[in-house]
Amino acid sequence: MVTLKRIDIVYQKLKELDRGIGVSASDIADSLGLSRANVSSDLNRLCDEGKAVKVGTKPVLFRYVEEISNTREETSLDKFLEKNPSLFSAVEQAKAAILYPPNGMHILILGETGVGKSMFAELIHKYAIEMNRMDENSPFIVFNCADYANNPQLLVSQLFGSKKGAYTGADYDKVGLIEKADGGILFLDEVHRLSPEGQEMFFTFMDKGIFRRLGETDLERKSNVLIISATTENPDSILLKTFTRRIPMIIRLPSLRERSIDERFNLICQFIREESNKLGRQIIVSVNSMKAFLSYNCPNNIGQLKTDIQLACAKAYADFVSNKKEEIKINSIDLPQYIRDGLYMETEHRQLWNKFLEINKRYYVFDKNEENILFEKDSSKDNIYEMIDSRMHELKSMGLTGEELDKEMEKDINDYFEKYFRKVNKIIDVSDIENVVGIEIVQTVEEIIKFAEKRLKKELSKELYCGMAVHIYNAVERIKRNRKIVNPQLNRIRTEHSEEFNTALDCLKIIERVLDVSMPIDEAGFLAMLFAYDGRVVKEQEKKDVKVIVIAHGTATASSMVETANNLLGTKYAIGINAPLDEKPQQVISRLKAYLKNAGIKSDILFLVDMGSLTTFGEEIEKEFGIRTKTIPLVSTLHVIEATRKAMMGYSLEEVYDETLNVNTFLEIERQADLDKEMKGKISIVTVCTTGEGSAVAVKNILDKHLKYDSNIFEIVPINLVGTESIHTRLRNIERENKILCIVSSFKIDTSIPQYGLHEVLSLEAIKPIQRLIDIENTYLKMGDTLENQLKNISSKSVLQDIRKFIGAIEGELNTKINTNALIGIALHVACMIDRLKGGGSVDEFVDREKYISESRELYRIVKKSCEILNKKYDINISDDEICYIMTFFNYKTILK
């Protein structure tokens, strides 16, 4: 005998007592002899499960909902719910309302402006069709009551229709929306704006299903219409109380701020894909832009979010078609300030990092052809197919063919699989793999693992499980995009790993059967390599671990950065060692050595330090402990996060070092975006007069006549100083948009901006020095374009800003100015030198270096001192040979006194 649970008994009693008007919790409790509280709890659970619905407010009644077979295909509401789980109750209520016999329940949707009430109503209509409760061609008619709120007669006419002559202007019989919606849904938005006259007629229709056109008295009409109404108003208002008595199903949609970060992320992706589809092109969005969209204050909810994304896409497209950008790309610098403010919302900080931990992957690509996948740009390192495509192209461009090409590809493929397992296994936990690749891929892998273990007679690892899931996912997506899968080492793999290869061939059949895709034989080679390498990497992993140790001056600087990084990554991997300012370096390194000995650390170490003698600790540790180290100075929390993440993923010391250094590039690009914004305006020469604006204009005319400049870049701005307004206020206002090159004024102004007297312009004495300032600006602008195609390892625009400071520092020490030709030479030389050193290039020996330095000792001191700016900024070491080459640009033939 089966014993029913209490909730099942309550459900049966609800079915028994419900006669179409609803049953109270008290009635069921009295009938069953149970406590009202327990029955009320069970009834609410039944509502959550879609087996019952609430009716009214005081008293709350419950109605029974027929059970629906679970064999149906997934509906549009089910698909919607997958990415919007916070709307579970709303979706279940909507389903219950549609399925309620005989013709469904009228619905009132409550929610703030922009939460998606009209969209949800359309989904309900689609669901009604899918469940065969409405005909496929059933109407869905939308009417906004606010549009006619000031003309009640016309509003009623629109809804119910009108008889000829019913009012002035009614020249013919008119069919209303209620008749047009027969057999379907009428959606009334802002229903609280319905007039009293309209309310009376509307309630009659809802109660009895009958209505009259405006002006009719003797004819009653019928229409089978499901009413879905929506409002932003408080449901306790006087008007809405009359609605809630007649509309049993009240659904509240949550605001955007009440929804999870994942749901908002899904909405953002959906909206950007929609724009990509409209434009027929990829849209590239920076990580910072995604963070801003995720976190900014969006008071008008989903409607505003969608509009803001559309505007950002439209601006990016405008920049693309006007050739300002080579791609449709959205950067955070391009977003309005109120959206960019989202980058500083600390409450979402942790969730954002968990979503966007790939610091060096700066862009996400939304493709018009992809419905479900968000691709990251530059992801070739983690994809064997992309690696092969890129490497084959590279090797062929180098002229390699035949055996040479095969040998290189063999090495690259072997290297890839040696590192593959631990990388994937660190990134993805087995329990979460389904969320990444989907249930079908997981089921396929489980079947493959079971088959392969039996065929190969060995137990396969969890690493293989994760690795194969990600690999097959990439393979299937590549095939869907009609991109070839090529394995240049297929024959070698077949002969060297024959057992694994034959197993892989049978596994291809499993993939084809379960996923319904046609797999090329080349893929068997990759699967065979996965089988062959399973188990190898685990044994080698300990030897390749990299410890991340942060050492920084201050009582808690290092430990704070490490704590932040470890918390964000959910680990305790990074190690922090504080170096108080009153502690000598010898004491700090002694503590470091003691820690390494006590912890028994023998693995490679990446040291992240701030400055000074701490940068030399790595060399000493290498000598004493015989372990490999690398050191990165000027550490930040971002460096610690990236180094820790890459070390946890099993990257080698060199890889962790290189990837962490890339953070400098990332930060520099972000900084450069701000610099670019600052330089958007023109460069201004300001003329100031106190004797009337005409005098300032006259000075402007003299400058226009004698100066040579590009009016697209430079402008002369005449201002007249009158009243009590400060000249500094006027100058600051100009500087908000433009850079001020120099000032011409009849009086001295306290500013660092170069300035010339009015008499110097009138006598033309100032023309030559002003022209020189213009020429220097032109020189840097042109060099930026030239260097853009020359430099490989650094940003041309950014490095020119630093070179400018470098040259300025030397000029200041020498109390001289170099001419334009020398300026071009030194700027190009220094830029290429920095690029070469960043790329690990060699340095040419300077002939008679020591003699040259001894003959120009002061110049050597000045240049070497100024080089420290570049050394620290770009983490390079400018040698004495390089300093001598730079010194040659500052000889007295090229300097203007």
Foldseek 3Di string as FASTA:
>chain_A
DDDDDPLVVLLVVLVVPDPPPFAALVVSCVVVVHDSVVSVVSQVVCLLVLQWAWAFVVVIGIHGADDDDPPADQAPLNVVCVLFVVCSSVSSLLVRQCRHPDQGFAEEEEEAFQLCQVVVVVSSQRVSCSVVSFPPPQDEAEDELVVCLVPQVVSLCQAQWADDPLDPPRNHTGHHVQAVRFRGEYEYEQCVSHDPVSVVQVVVCLVPQWGHHRPDDPDIDGGSYHYYYYHHDDCPDPVNSVVSNRGTHYHYRYFQVVGDLSSQLVLLLQLQLVVQLVVVHKEKEWLLLSQLLSFFDDPNGSRSSSVQSVVQQVVLVVCCVVVVDVGSYGYLLSHDPSSSCSSVPVVCVLVSCVVPVLLLQTIWMRHNVDDPDIHTPPPLLLAPQSVVVVVLVVCVVVVDDDPRSVVVLVVVVVVSLLQRLLLQCLVDPLVCLCVVQHDLLLVLLVVLQVQVCVQVVHHFDVSLSRSSSVRVSVQVVCVVVVHDRDDPCQVVLCVVQVSQLVSLVVSQVSCCVSVVDHDDSRVSSVSSSSVVCGPVNVVVLVQQFEAEEEEEEDDCPFVVLQVVLCVSVVHNGHHYQYHYPVHDPVVSLVVVVVVCVVVVDQYEYEYEYEDDPVQCSQVVCCVPRVYHYHYDYNDDSSLSNQLRSCSSSRDGRVVSVVRSLCVLVVVLVVVVSVVVQLAPAAEEEEEEDAPDQVVQVVLLVLLVVQADADPVHYDYHYDHDDDDDDPVVVVVVVSVGHHYQEYEYCDDDPDPHHYDYPVCSVVPVCNVVSNQSRLQVVLLVVQQVVCCVVADQHRSNSLSVLVVVLVVQLCVVVVWAFGPVLVNVLSVLVRVVLRCQLVVHDADAAPPLVVLCVVVVVSLVSNQVSCVSVCNSSVGDQDSRNSSVSSVSVDPVGIDD
